[in-house]
Amino acid sequence: MRYFINTYRTPKPGQYAAVIKGVKESIKAIGRPGYVTIPVSGPMPWATSAAVGGTVGGFQTLDEVDALMDDLVADDMAGLATWDELSAMCDQVNNSVSRIVSPAWTPLEGFVPKIVSRTFLTAKPGKARELTEFLLEWSEEIDIRGNTIVSVSLGGQISAIRVSRLVESLQALEDLNGQIGASPRVQQLTELISAPAIRSVARITYLNQP
């Protein structure tokens, strides 16, 4: 299995640029693949503030995630002290660890993602495994110049599944969404989920990829 960590930080007024820069430096210091995002179109923009996202990947096992957490609390909490400096500029901070269930992706030559679309789905009771398998099959059929990642969070709602797509532009995402919307699989999807899907779209401001 492979894993990644997402952080979500809601900057205080006047601190947005500083938080973006701080998240970038934090990811660079960790030294793993990752990226920083800012919202383009949030899932509930009328109800939530714009959050700066940070994603760190490249974890092949949970032991590697444990090791990163150990580093944060080592040397009299030195890592957490640095974390606190960034958190002090925010109204809210949270993080999650997720397991990737989709196959490993071979990067395309010259591919530099700019946009991340995340679709959040909740399976009907007893349908989580079936929904996951369905999404993996569908992902193989979609014509996309980019990367599709199907994942589940270790915390939160057990039946929730996230489909993330990294593409090169908003227009590429719009074309992709049109392709998905026209698929006959949409009807099958509605039979497996308990509520309408929720989507967020974000712009990558910093990228560290292998």
N, C-alpha and C. Protein backbone atom coordinates (compact mmCIF):
# COMPACT_ATOMS: atom_id res chain seq x y z
N MET A 1 0.83 -1.19 0.00
CA MET A 1 0.00 0.00 0.00
C MET A 1 0.88 1.26 0.00
N ARG A 2 0.30 2.35 -0.52
CA ARG A 2 0.97 3.64 -0.50
C ARG A 2 0.08 4.64 0.24
N TYR A 3 0.71 5.65 0.82
CA TYR A 3 -0.02 6.59 1.66
C TYR A 3 0.43 8.03 1.39
N PHE A 4 -0.42 8.96 1.76
CA PHE A 4 -0.04 10.38 1.70
C PHE A 4 -0.69 11.12 2.86
N ILE A 5 -0.15 12.29 3.15
CA ILE A 5 -0.68 13.13 4.23
C ILE A 5 -1.15 14.44 3.64
N ASN A 6 -2.36 14.84 3.99
CA ASN A 6 -2.89 16.16 3.62
C ASN A 6 -2.95 17.04 4.85
N THR A 7 -2.56 18.30 4.70
CA THR A 7 -2.78 19.29 5.75
C THR A 7 -3.70 20.37 5.21
N TYR A 8 -4.51 20.90 6.10
CA TYR A 8 -5.47 21.95 5.73
C TYR A 8 -5.29 23.11 6.69
N ARG A 9 -4.96 24.27 6.17
CA ARG A 9 -4.73 25.45 7.01
C ARG A 9 -5.57 26.61 6.51
N THR A 10 -6.35 27.18 7.40
CA THR A 10 -7.16 28.36 7.07
C THR A 10 -6.44 29.59 7.61
N PRO A 11 -5.83 30.39 6.73
CA PRO A 11 -5.03 31.53 7.20
C PRO A 11 -5.89 32.60 7.87
N LYS A 12 -5.30 33.30 8.83
CA LYS A 12 -5.92 34.47 9.40
C LYS A 12 -5.92 35.59 8.36
N PRO A 13 -6.80 36.58 8.50
CA PRO A 13 -6.80 37.70 7.55
C PRO A 13 -5.42 38.34 7.44
N GLY A 14 -4.98 38.56 6.21
CA GLY A 14 -3.69 39.18 5.98
C GLY A 14 -2.50 38.24 6.00
N GLN A 15 -2.77 36.92 6.24
CA GLN A 15 -1.67 35.95 6.36
C GLN A 15 -1.66 34.93 5.22
N TYR A 16 -2.49 35.13 4.22
CA TYR A 16 -2.65 34.09 3.19
C TYR A 16 -1.34 33.78 2.47
N ALA A 17 -0.67 34.80 1.96
CA ALA A 17 0.58 34.57 1.23
C ALA A 17 1.65 33.97 2.13
N ALA A 18 1.70 34.42 3.37
CA ALA A 18 2.71 33.91 4.30
C ALA A 18 2.48 32.44 4.60
N VAL A 19 1.22 32.04 4.72
CA VAL A 19 0.92 30.63 4.99
C VAL A 19 1.28 29.77 3.78
N ILE A 20 0.97 30.26 2.59
CA ILE A 20 1.34 29.51 1.37
C ILE A 20 2.85 29.28 1.33
N LYS A 21 3.61 30.32 1.60
CA LYS A 21 5.07 30.20 1.60
C LYS A 21 5.54 29.26 2.70
N GLY A 22 4.89 29.33 3.86
CA GLY A 22 5.28 28.46 4.97
C GLY A 22 5.02 26.99 4.69
N VAL A 23 3.88 26.70 4.06
CA VAL A 23 3.57 25.31 3.71
C VAL A 23 4.58 24.80 2.68
N LYS A 24 4.94 25.66 1.73
CA LYS A 24 5.95 25.28 0.73
C LYS A 24 7.27 24.92 1.41
N GLU A 25 7.72 25.74 2.32
CA GLU A 25 8.99 25.48 3.00
C GLU A 25 8.90 24.22 3.85
N SER A 26 7.75 23.97 4.43
CA SER A 26 7.56 22.76 5.23
C SER A 26 7.69 21.51 4.38
N ILE A 27 7.07 21.52 3.20
CA ILE A 27 7.15 20.37 2.31
C ILE A 27 8.58 20.18 1.79
N LYS A 28 9.24 21.27 1.47
CA LYS A 28 10.63 21.18 1.01
C LYS A 28 11.51 20.58 2.09
N ALA A 29 11.26 20.95 3.36
CA ALA A 29 12.07 20.44 4.46
C ALA A 29 11.87 18.95 4.67
N ILE A 30 10.66 18.46 4.43
CA ILE A 30 10.39 17.03 4.59
C ILE A 30 11.13 16.22 3.53
N GLY A 31 11.23 16.79 2.31
CA GLY A 31 12.03 16.16 1.27
C GLY A 31 11.34 15.04 0.52
N ARG A 32 10.04 14.96 0.61
CA ARG A 32 9.28 13.95 -0.12
C ARG A 32 8.47 14.61 -1.23
N PRO A 33 7.97 13.81 -2.18
CA PRO A 33 7.09 14.38 -3.21
C PRO A 33 5.88 15.04 -2.56
N GLY A 34 5.46 16.15 -3.13
CA GLY A 34 4.30 16.83 -2.56
C GLY A 34 3.97 18.09 -3.32
N TYR A 35 2.92 18.77 -2.87
CA TYR A 35 2.52 20.02 -3.51
C TYR A 35 1.68 20.85 -2.56
N VAL A 36 1.58 22.14 -2.91
CA VAL A 36 0.78 23.10 -2.16
C VAL A 36 -0.36 23.56 -3.06
N THR A 37 -1.56 23.72 -2.50
CA THR A 37 -2.69 24.16 -3.30
C THR A 37 -3.44 25.31 -2.64
N ILE A 38 -4.10 26.10 -3.49
CA ILE A 38 -5.04 27.12 -3.04
C ILE A 38 -6.35 26.89 -3.78
N PRO A 39 -7.48 27.23 -3.20
CA PRO A 39 -8.76 26.93 -3.83
C PRO A 39 -8.99 27.72 -5.12
N VAL A 40 -9.57 27.06 -6.09
CA VAL A 40 -10.11 27.70 -7.28
C VAL A 40 -11.63 27.74 -7.17
N SER A 41 -12.18 26.61 -6.79
CA SER A 41 -13.62 26.49 -6.58
C SER A 41 -13.83 25.49 -5.45
N GLY A 42 -14.11 26.02 -4.26
CA GLY A 42 -14.23 25.16 -3.08
C GLY A 42 -15.51 24.36 -3.07
N PRO A 43 -15.55 23.30 -2.25
CA PRO A 43 -16.75 22.45 -2.19
C PRO A 43 -17.96 23.15 -1.59
N MET A 44 -17.72 24.06 -0.66
CA MET A 44 -18.81 24.84 -0.04
C MET A 44 -18.31 26.26 0.23
N PRO A 45 -18.09 27.06 -0.80
CA PRO A 45 -17.46 28.37 -0.62
C PRO A 45 -18.30 29.34 0.21
N TRP A 46 -19.61 29.11 0.28
CA TRP A 46 -20.47 29.98 1.08
C TRP A 46 -20.39 29.67 2.58
N ALA A 47 -19.83 28.51 2.91
CA ALA A 47 -19.86 28.05 4.31
C ALA A 47 -18.48 27.91 4.94
N THR A 48 -17.44 27.84 4.13
CA THR A 48 -16.10 27.61 4.68
C THR A 48 -15.11 28.62 4.10
N SER A 49 -14.06 28.91 4.84
CA SER A 49 -13.02 29.83 4.39
C SER A 49 -12.04 29.11 3.48
N ALA A 50 -11.35 29.88 2.66
CA ALA A 50 -10.38 29.31 1.73
C ALA A 50 -9.19 28.76 2.50
N ALA A 51 -8.90 27.49 2.30
CA ALA A 51 -7.81 26.83 3.02
C ALA A 51 -6.63 26.58 2.09
N VAL A 52 -5.44 26.67 2.66
CA VAL A 52 -4.22 26.31 1.94
C VAL A 52 -3.96 24.83 2.19
N GLY A 53 -3.84 24.07 1.12
CA GLY A 53 -3.62 22.63 1.25
C GLY A 53 -2.17 22.26 1.05
N GLY A 54 -1.74 21.28 1.79
CA GLY A 54 -0.40 20.73 1.61
C GLY A 54 -0.50 19.22 1.53
N THR A 55 0.11 18.63 0.51
CA THR A 55 0.08 17.18 0.34
C THR A 55 1.51 16.66 0.28
N VAL A 56 1.79 15.66 1.11
CA VAL A 56 3.10 15.00 1.12
C VAL A 56 2.88 13.53 0.84
N GLY A 57 3.54 13.01 -0.17
CA GLY A 57 3.36 11.61 -0.56
C GLY A 57 4.65 10.83 -0.52
N GLY A 58 4.65 9.71 -1.23
CA GLY A 58 5.84 8.88 -1.30
C GLY A 58 6.01 7.93 -0.14
N PHE A 59 4.99 7.78 0.71
CA PHE A 59 5.07 6.83 1.81
C PHE A 59 4.64 5.45 1.32
N GLN A 60 5.55 4.50 1.42
CA GLN A 60 5.23 3.14 0.95
C GLN A 60 4.58 2.30 2.04
N THR A 61 4.78 2.67 3.29
CA THR A 61 4.21 1.93 4.41
C THR A 61 3.78 2.92 5.49
N LEU A 62 2.93 2.45 6.40
CA LEU A 62 2.56 3.29 7.54
C LEU A 62 3.72 3.47 8.51
N ASP A 63 4.68 2.56 8.48
CA ASP A 63 5.88 2.74 9.31
C ASP A 63 6.62 4.02 8.91
N GLU A 64 6.61 4.33 7.62
CA GLU A 64 7.26 5.55 7.16
C GLU A 64 6.49 6.78 7.63
N VAL A 65 5.16 6.68 7.68
CA VAL A 65 4.36 7.78 8.23
C VAL A 65 4.66 7.93 9.72
N ASP A 66 4.74 6.81 10.42
CA ASP A 66 5.09 6.83 11.85
C ASP A 66 6.43 7.53 12.08
N ALA A 67 7.40 7.24 11.21
CA ALA A 67 8.73 7.82 11.36
C ALA A 67 8.68 9.34 11.23
N LEU A 68 7.85 9.83 10.30
CA LEU A 68 7.71 11.28 10.15
C LEU A 68 7.09 11.88 11.40
N MET A 69 6.06 11.22 11.94
CA MET A 69 5.44 11.70 13.17
C MET A 69 6.43 11.67 14.34
N ASP A 70 7.26 10.64 14.38
CA ASP A 70 8.29 10.56 15.42
C ASP A 70 9.24 11.75 15.35
N ASP A 71 9.59 12.14 14.12
CA ASP A 71 10.50 13.27 13.94
C ASP A 71 9.89 14.56 14.49
N LEU A 72 8.57 14.68 14.38
CA LEU A 72 7.90 15.90 14.84
C LEU A 72 8.02 16.08 16.35
N VAL A 73 8.01 14.95 17.06
CA VAL A 73 8.03 15.05 18.53
C VAL A 73 9.42 14.80 19.13
N ALA A 74 10.41 14.54 18.27
CA ALA A 74 11.78 14.30 18.75
C ALA A 74 12.43 15.62 19.18
N ASP A 75 13.54 15.51 19.89
CA ASP A 75 14.35 16.68 20.31
C ASP A 75 13.50 17.73 21.00
N ASP A 76 12.77 17.28 22.01
CA ASP A 76 11.96 18.20 22.82
C ASP A 76 10.95 18.96 21.97
N MET A 77 10.29 18.22 21.07
CA MET A 77 9.21 18.77 20.23
C MET A 77 9.70 19.84 19.25
N ALA A 78 10.93 19.73 18.79
CA ALA A 78 11.47 20.75 17.89
C ALA A 78 10.66 20.86 16.61
N GLY A 79 10.25 19.71 16.07
CA GLY A 79 9.45 19.73 14.85
C GLY A 79 8.10 20.39 15.05
N LEU A 80 7.48 20.10 16.19
CA LEU A 80 6.17 20.70 16.49
C LEU A 80 6.29 22.20 16.73
N ALA A 81 7.43 22.62 17.25
CA ALA A 81 7.64 24.04 17.48
C ALA A 81 7.63 24.80 16.15
N THR A 82 8.26 24.21 15.14
CA THR A 82 8.23 24.82 13.80
C THR A 82 6.82 24.81 13.25
N TRP A 83 6.11 23.70 13.48
CA TRP A 83 4.71 23.58 13.06
C TRP A 83 3.88 24.68 13.72
N ASP A 84 4.15 24.95 15.00
CA ASP A 84 3.39 25.96 15.74
C ASP A 84 3.56 27.35 15.14
N GLU A 85 4.75 27.66 14.66
CA GLU A 85 5.00 28.97 14.07
C GLU A 85 4.09 29.20 12.87
N LEU A 86 3.91 28.15 12.06
CA LEU A 86 3.03 28.25 10.90
C LEU A 86 1.56 28.26 11.33
N SER A 87 1.24 27.44 12.31
CA SER A 87 -0.14 27.36 12.79
C SER A 87 -0.61 28.66 13.42
N ALA A 88 0.32 29.42 13.99
CA ALA A 88 -0.04 30.68 14.64
C ALA A 88 -0.59 31.69 13.64
N MET A 89 -0.32 31.49 12.37
CA MET A 89 -0.83 32.38 11.33
C MET A 89 -2.19 31.93 10.80
N CYS A 90 -2.75 30.88 11.41
CA CYS A 90 -3.98 30.28 10.90
C CYS A 90 -5.09 30.29 11.94
N ASP A 91 -6.32 30.32 11.46
CA ASP A 91 -7.47 30.18 12.34
C ASP A 91 -7.78 28.71 12.62
N GLN A 92 -7.42 27.85 11.67
CA GLN A 92 -7.70 26.42 11.83
C GLN A 92 -6.66 25.60 11.10
N VAL A 93 -6.26 24.50 11.72
CA VAL A 93 -5.27 23.59 11.13
C VAL A 93 -5.72 22.15 11.37
N ASN A 94 -5.62 21.32 10.34
CA ASN A 94 -5.94 19.91 10.51
C ASN A 94 -5.16 19.09 9.50
N ASN A 95 -5.12 17.81 9.70
CA ASN A 95 -4.43 16.94 8.74
C ASN A 95 -5.09 15.58 8.69
N SER A 96 -4.78 14.83 7.64
CA SER A 96 -5.31 13.48 7.49
C SER A 96 -4.29 12.61 6.78
N VAL A 97 -4.32 11.33 7.09
CA VAL A 97 -3.50 10.33 6.41
C VAL A 97 -4.43 9.47 5.56
N SER A 98 -4.07 9.26 4.31
CA SER A 98 -4.92 8.50 3.40
C SER A 98 -4.16 7.35 2.76
N ARG A 99 -4.89 6.30 2.47
CA ARG A 99 -4.34 5.12 1.79
C ARG A 99 -4.74 5.16 0.32
N ILE A 100 -3.79 5.00 -0.56
CA ILE A 100 -4.06 4.98 -2.00
C ILE A 100 -4.45 3.56 -2.41
N VAL A 101 -5.59 3.42 -3.07
CA VAL A 101 -6.04 2.10 -3.50
C VAL A 101 -5.90 1.91 -5.01
N SER A 102 -5.62 2.97 -5.74
CA SER A 102 -5.43 2.86 -7.19
C SER A 102 -3.99 2.43 -7.49
N PRO A 103 -3.77 1.86 -8.68
CA PRO A 103 -2.42 1.40 -9.04
C PRO A 103 -1.44 2.56 -9.17
N ALA A 104 -0.16 2.25 -9.05
CA ALA A 104 0.88 3.27 -9.23
C ALA A 104 0.81 3.81 -10.65
N TRP A 105 1.13 5.08 -10.79
CA TRP A 105 1.03 5.78 -12.07
C TRP A 105 2.40 6.09 -12.61
N THR A 106 2.58 5.87 -13.92
CA THR A 106 3.84 6.21 -14.57
C THR A 106 3.74 7.62 -15.11
N PRO A 107 4.52 8.57 -14.61
CA PRO A 107 4.41 9.97 -15.05
C PRO A 107 4.62 10.11 -16.56
N LEU A 108 3.84 11.01 -17.16
CA LEU A 108 3.96 11.30 -18.59
C LEU A 108 5.12 12.25 -18.81
N GLU A 109 5.79 12.10 -19.93
CA GLU A 109 6.91 12.98 -20.24
C GLU A 109 6.42 14.42 -20.39
N GLY A 110 7.06 15.31 -19.67
CA GLY A 110 6.71 16.72 -19.76
C GLY A 110 5.45 17.12 -19.02
N PHE A 111 4.87 16.21 -18.29
CA PHE A 111 3.62 16.51 -17.58
C PHE A 111 3.89 17.27 -16.30
N VAL A 112 3.28 18.46 -16.19
CA VAL A 112 3.39 19.28 -14.99
C VAL A 112 1.97 19.67 -14.56
N PRO A 113 1.44 19.04 -13.54
CA PRO A 113 0.06 19.34 -13.14
C PRO A 113 -0.07 20.74 -12.55
N LYS A 114 -1.18 21.37 -12.87
CA LYS A 114 -1.47 22.70 -12.35
C LYS A 114 -2.76 22.71 -11.52
N ILE A 115 -3.66 21.77 -11.83
CA ILE A 115 -4.99 21.74 -11.21
C ILE A 115 -5.21 20.40 -10.52
N VAL A 116 -5.81 20.43 -9.34
CA VAL A 116 -6.21 19.21 -8.63
C VAL A 116 -7.73 19.27 -8.42
N SER A 117 -8.42 18.27 -8.92
CA SER A 117 -9.86 18.14 -8.67
C SER A 117 -10.06 16.95 -7.73
N ARG A 118 -10.80 17.19 -6.66
CA ARG A 118 -11.08 16.11 -5.71
C ARG A 118 -12.59 15.91 -5.63
N THR A 119 -13.02 14.68 -5.85
CA THR A 119 -14.43 14.34 -5.76
C THR A 119 -14.63 13.40 -4.59
N PHE A 120 -15.54 13.78 -3.70
CA PHE A 120 -15.78 13.02 -2.48
C PHE A 120 -17.10 12.26 -2.61
N LEU A 121 -17.03 10.96 -2.42
CA LEU A 121 -18.21 10.11 -2.56
C LEU A 121 -18.43 9.30 -1.30
N THR A 122 -19.69 9.06 -0.97
CA THR A 122 -20.03 8.26 0.19
C THR A 122 -20.83 7.05 -0.26
N ALA A 123 -20.32 5.87 0.02
CA ALA A 123 -20.98 4.64 -0.42
C ALA A 123 -22.22 4.36 0.41
N LYS A 124 -23.19 3.72 -0.21
CA LYS A 124 -24.33 3.22 0.54
C LYS A 124 -23.86 2.17 1.53
N PRO A 125 -24.60 1.94 2.62
CA PRO A 125 -24.19 0.91 3.59
C PRO A 125 -23.91 -0.42 2.92
N GLY A 126 -22.73 -0.97 3.21
CA GLY A 126 -22.35 -2.26 2.65
C GLY A 126 -21.83 -2.22 1.23
N LYS A 127 -21.70 -1.01 0.65
CA LYS A 127 -21.30 -0.89 -0.75
C LYS A 127 -19.90 -0.28 -0.93
N ALA A 128 -19.17 -0.07 0.15
CA ALA A 128 -17.88 0.61 0.04
C ALA A 128 -16.90 -0.14 -0.85
N ARG A 129 -16.80 -1.45 -0.67
CA ARG A 129 -15.86 -2.23 -1.49
C ARG A 129 -16.31 -2.22 -2.96
N GLU A 130 -17.60 -2.38 -3.18
CA GLU A 130 -18.12 -2.39 -4.55
C GLU A 130 -17.89 -1.04 -5.23
N LEU A 131 -18.11 0.04 -4.48
CA LEU A 131 -17.89 1.38 -5.04
C LEU A 131 -16.42 1.58 -5.38
N THR A 132 -15.53 1.13 -4.51
CA THR A 132 -14.09 1.28 -4.76
C THR A 132 -13.70 0.53 -6.03
N GLU A 133 -14.13 -0.69 -6.17
CA GLU A 133 -13.81 -1.48 -7.37
C GLU A 133 -14.39 -0.84 -8.62
N PHE A 134 -15.61 -0.31 -8.50
CA PHE A 134 -16.26 0.36 -9.62
C PHE A 134 -15.45 1.58 -10.07
N LEU A 135 -15.01 2.38 -9.12
CA LEU A 135 -14.24 3.58 -9.45
C LEU A 135 -12.89 3.24 -10.09
N LEU A 136 -12.27 2.17 -9.62
CA LEU A 136 -10.99 1.75 -10.21
C LEU A 136 -11.18 1.28 -11.65
N GLU A 137 -12.24 0.55 -11.91
CA GLU A 137 -12.53 0.10 -13.27
C GLU A 137 -12.82 1.29 -14.18
N TRP A 138 -13.63 2.21 -13.69
CA TRP A 138 -13.99 3.38 -14.49
C TRP A 138 -12.77 4.24 -14.80
N SER A 139 -11.89 4.36 -13.83
CA SER A 139 -10.69 5.17 -14.02
C SER A 139 -9.83 4.65 -15.17
N GLU A 140 -9.81 3.34 -15.35
CA GLU A 140 -9.02 2.74 -16.43
C GLU A 140 -9.60 3.07 -17.80
N GLU A 141 -10.88 3.39 -17.86
CA GLU A 141 -11.56 3.67 -19.14
C GLU A 141 -11.43 5.12 -19.55
N ILE A 142 -11.16 6.00 -18.61
CA ILE A 142 -11.18 7.43 -18.88
C ILE A 142 -9.91 7.87 -19.61
N ASP A 143 -10.10 8.65 -20.66
CA ASP A 143 -8.98 9.18 -21.43
C ASP A 143 -8.52 10.48 -20.77
N ILE A 144 -7.41 10.44 -20.07
CA ILE A 144 -6.95 11.60 -19.31
C ILE A 144 -5.45 11.75 -19.46
N ARG A 145 -5.03 12.99 -19.75
CA ARG A 145 -3.61 13.30 -19.67
C ARG A 145 -3.38 13.84 -18.26
N GLY A 146 -3.09 12.93 -17.38
CA GLY A 146 -2.96 13.30 -15.99
C GLY A 146 -2.95 12.07 -15.11
N ASN A 147 -3.18 12.29 -13.84
CA ASN A 147 -3.10 11.22 -12.85
C ASN A 147 -4.40 11.15 -12.08
N THR A 148 -4.96 9.95 -11.96
CA THR A 148 -6.15 9.72 -11.16
C THR A 148 -5.76 8.91 -9.93
N ILE A 149 -6.14 9.40 -8.75
CA ILE A 149 -5.80 8.73 -7.50
C ILE A 149 -7.08 8.45 -6.73
N VAL A 150 -7.35 7.19 -6.49
CA VAL A 150 -8.49 6.79 -5.65
C VAL A 150 -7.94 6.47 -4.28
N SER A 151 -8.51 7.10 -3.25
CA SER A 151 -7.95 6.94 -1.91
C SER A 151 -9.04 6.96 -0.86
N VAL A 152 -8.67 6.47 0.32
CA VAL A 152 -9.57 6.50 1.48
C VAL A 152 -8.77 7.02 2.67
N SER A 153 -9.41 7.83 3.49
CA SER A 153 -8.75 8.39 4.67
C SER A 153 -8.77 7.38 5.80
N LEU A 154 -7.71 7.37 6.60
CA LEU A 154 -7.67 6.49 7.76
C LEU A 154 -8.65 6.95 8.83
N GLY A 155 -9.01 8.22 8.83
CA GLY A 155 -9.97 8.76 9.77
C GLY A 155 -11.22 9.23 9.04
N GLY A 156 -12.20 9.69 9.79
CA GLY A 156 -13.41 10.21 9.17
C GLY A 156 -14.41 9.12 8.85
N GLN A 157 -15.33 9.46 7.94
CA GLN A 157 -16.41 8.54 7.59
C GLN A 157 -15.86 7.29 6.89
N ILE A 158 -16.19 6.14 7.41
CA ILE A 158 -15.61 4.89 6.93
C ILE A 158 -15.99 4.60 5.48
N SER A 159 -17.19 4.99 5.07
CA SER A 159 -17.66 4.67 3.72
C SER A 159 -17.31 5.74 2.70
N ALA A 160 -16.47 6.73 3.08
CA ALA A 160 -16.11 7.82 2.18
C ALA A 160 -14.91 7.45 1.31
N ILE A 161 -15.00 7.80 0.04
CA ILE A 161 -13.93 7.53 -0.93
C ILE A 161 -13.66 8.82 -1.69
N ARG A 162 -12.39 9.10 -1.95
CA ARG A 162 -12.01 10.33 -2.66
C ARG A 162 -11.35 9.96 -3.99
N VAL A 163 -11.75 10.65 -5.04
CA VAL A 163 -11.10 10.50 -6.35
C VAL A 163 -10.44 11.83 -6.69
N SER A 164 -9.12 11.83 -6.76
CA SER A 164 -8.37 13.05 -7.09
C SER A 164 -7.83 12.92 -8.51
N ARG A 165 -7.93 14.03 -9.24
CA ARG A 165 -7.38 14.04 -10.60
C ARG A 165 -6.49 15.26 -10.76
N LEU A 166 -5.25 15.01 -11.18
CA LEU A 166 -4.28 16.07 -11.41
C LEU A 166 -4.13 16.27 -12.90
N VAL A 167 -4.41 17.49 -13.36
CA VAL A 167 -4.36 17.80 -14.79
C VAL A 167 -3.59 19.10 -15.01
N GLU A 168 -3.42 19.47 -16.28
CA GLU A 168 -2.55 20.59 -16.60
C GLU A 168 -3.24 21.94 -16.68
N SER A 169 -4.58 21.96 -16.74
CA SER A 169 -5.28 23.24 -16.86
C SER A 169 -6.75 23.07 -16.47
N LEU A 170 -7.40 24.20 -16.24
CA LEU A 170 -8.84 24.16 -15.96
C LEU A 170 -9.62 23.65 -17.17
N GLN A 171 -9.18 24.01 -18.37
CA GLN A 171 -9.88 23.53 -19.56
C GLN A 171 -9.75 22.01 -19.69
N ALA A 172 -8.58 21.49 -19.36
CA ALA A 172 -8.40 20.03 -19.39
C ALA A 172 -9.35 19.37 -18.41
N LEU A 173 -9.53 19.99 -17.24
CA LEU A 173 -10.46 19.45 -16.26
C LEU A 173 -11.89 19.52 -16.77
N GLU A 174 -12.25 20.64 -17.40
CA GLU A 174 -13.61 20.79 -17.94
C GLU A 174 -13.88 19.73 -19.01
N ASP A 175 -12.91 19.49 -19.88
CA ASP A 175 -13.07 18.46 -20.91
C ASP A 175 -13.23 17.09 -20.28
N LEU A 176 -12.45 16.84 -19.24
CA LEU A 176 -12.51 15.56 -18.54
C LEU A 176 -13.87 15.38 -17.87
N ASN A 177 -14.37 16.43 -17.23
CA ASN A 177 -15.68 16.33 -16.58
C ASN A 177 -16.79 16.08 -17.59
N GLY A 178 -16.65 16.67 -18.79
CA GLY A 178 -17.62 16.41 -19.85
C GLY A 178 -17.61 14.95 -20.27
N GLN A 179 -16.42 14.40 -20.37
CA GLN A 179 -16.29 12.98 -20.73
C GLN A 179 -16.92 12.09 -19.67
N ILE A 180 -16.68 12.42 -18.41
CA ILE A 180 -17.24 11.63 -17.31
C ILE A 180 -18.75 11.74 -17.27
N GLY A 181 -19.26 12.98 -17.44
CA GLY A 181 -20.70 13.20 -17.38
C GLY A 181 -21.47 12.49 -18.48
N ALA A 182 -20.81 12.25 -19.61
CA ALA A 182 -21.47 11.58 -20.73
C ALA A 182 -21.39 10.06 -20.65
N SER A 183 -20.68 9.54 -19.67
CA SER A 183 -20.50 8.09 -19.57
C SER A 183 -21.76 7.40 -19.04
N PRO A 184 -22.09 6.25 -19.60
CA PRO A 184 -23.24 5.48 -19.08
C PRO A 184 -23.01 4.97 -17.66
N ARG A 185 -21.77 5.04 -17.19
CA ARG A 185 -21.46 4.58 -15.84
C ARG A 185 -22.02 5.53 -14.77
N VAL A 186 -22.42 6.74 -15.16
CA VAL A 186 -22.95 7.68 -14.18
C VAL A 186 -24.18 7.08 -13.48
N GLN A 187 -25.04 6.42 -14.25
CA GLN A 187 -26.22 5.81 -13.66
C GLN A 187 -25.83 4.71 -12.67
N GLN A 188 -24.82 3.94 -13.01
CA GLN A 188 -24.34 2.91 -12.09
C GLN A 188 -23.81 3.53 -10.80
N LEU A 189 -23.14 4.67 -10.96
CA LEU A 189 -22.58 5.35 -9.79
C LEU A 189 -23.68 5.75 -8.81
N THR A 190 -24.78 6.28 -9.33
CA THR A 190 -25.86 6.73 -8.45
C THR A 190 -26.45 5.59 -7.63
N GLU A 191 -26.31 4.37 -8.11
CA GLU A 191 -26.85 3.22 -7.40
C GLU A 191 -25.94 2.76 -6.26
N LEU A 192 -24.72 3.31 -6.21
CA LEU A 192 -23.74 2.89 -5.21
C LEU A 192 -23.49 3.93 -4.13
N ILE A 193 -23.89 5.19 -4.37
CA ILE A 193 -23.61 6.24 -3.41
C ILE A 193 -24.87 6.67 -2.68
N SER A 194 -24.68 7.15 -1.46
CA SER A 194 -25.82 7.50 -0.60
C SER A 194 -26.19 8.98 -0.67
N ALA A 195 -25.35 9.79 -1.31
CA ALA A 195 -25.61 11.23 -1.41
C ALA A 195 -24.88 11.75 -2.65
N PRO A 196 -25.29 12.92 -3.16
CA PRO A 196 -24.60 13.49 -4.32
C PRO A 196 -23.10 13.67 -4.04
N ALA A 197 -22.30 13.45 -5.06
CA ALA A 197 -20.85 13.65 -4.93
C ALA A 197 -20.55 15.13 -4.70
N ILE A 198 -19.45 15.41 -3.99
CA ILE A 198 -19.00 16.77 -3.72
C ILE A 198 -17.62 16.94 -4.35
N ARG A 199 -17.44 18.06 -5.06
CA ARG A 199 -16.17 18.28 -5.76
C ARG A 199 -15.51 19.58 -5.30
N SER A 200 -14.20 19.56 -5.23
CA SER A 200 -13.42 20.78 -5.01
C SER A 200 -12.36 20.88 -6.11
N VAL A 201 -11.99 22.09 -6.44
CA VAL A 201 -10.96 22.32 -7.46
C VAL A 201 -9.93 23.28 -6.88
N ALA A 202 -8.66 22.92 -7.01
CA ALA A 202 -7.59 23.74 -6.44
C ALA A 202 -6.46 23.92 -7.44
N ARG A 203 -5.70 24.98 -7.24
CA ARG A 203 -4.55 25.31 -8.07
C ARG A 203 -3.27 24.96 -7.33
N ILE A 204 -2.36 24.28 -8.00
CA ILE A 204 -1.06 23.95 -7.42
C ILE A 204 -0.14 25.15 -7.52
N THR A 205 0.38 25.60 -6.38
CA THR A 205 1.30 26.74 -6.38
C THR A 205 2.76 26.31 -6.22
N TYR A 206 2.97 25.10 -5.73
CA TYR A 206 4.33 24.55 -5.58
C TYR A 206 4.25 23.05 -5.77
N LEU A 207 5.19 22.51 -6.52
CA LEU A 207 5.19 21.08 -6.81
C LEU A 207 6.59 20.52 -6.68
N ASN A 208 6.71 19.44 -5.93
CA ASN A 208 7.96 18.68 -5.84
C ASN A 208 7.65 17.27 -6.28
N GLN A 209 7.96 16.93 -7.52
CA GLN A 209 7.67 15.60 -8.01
C GLN A 209 8.98 14.92 -8.43
N PRO A 210 9.02 13.58 -8.29
CA PRO A 210 10.25 12.84 -8.60
C PRO A 210 10.68 13.06 -10.04
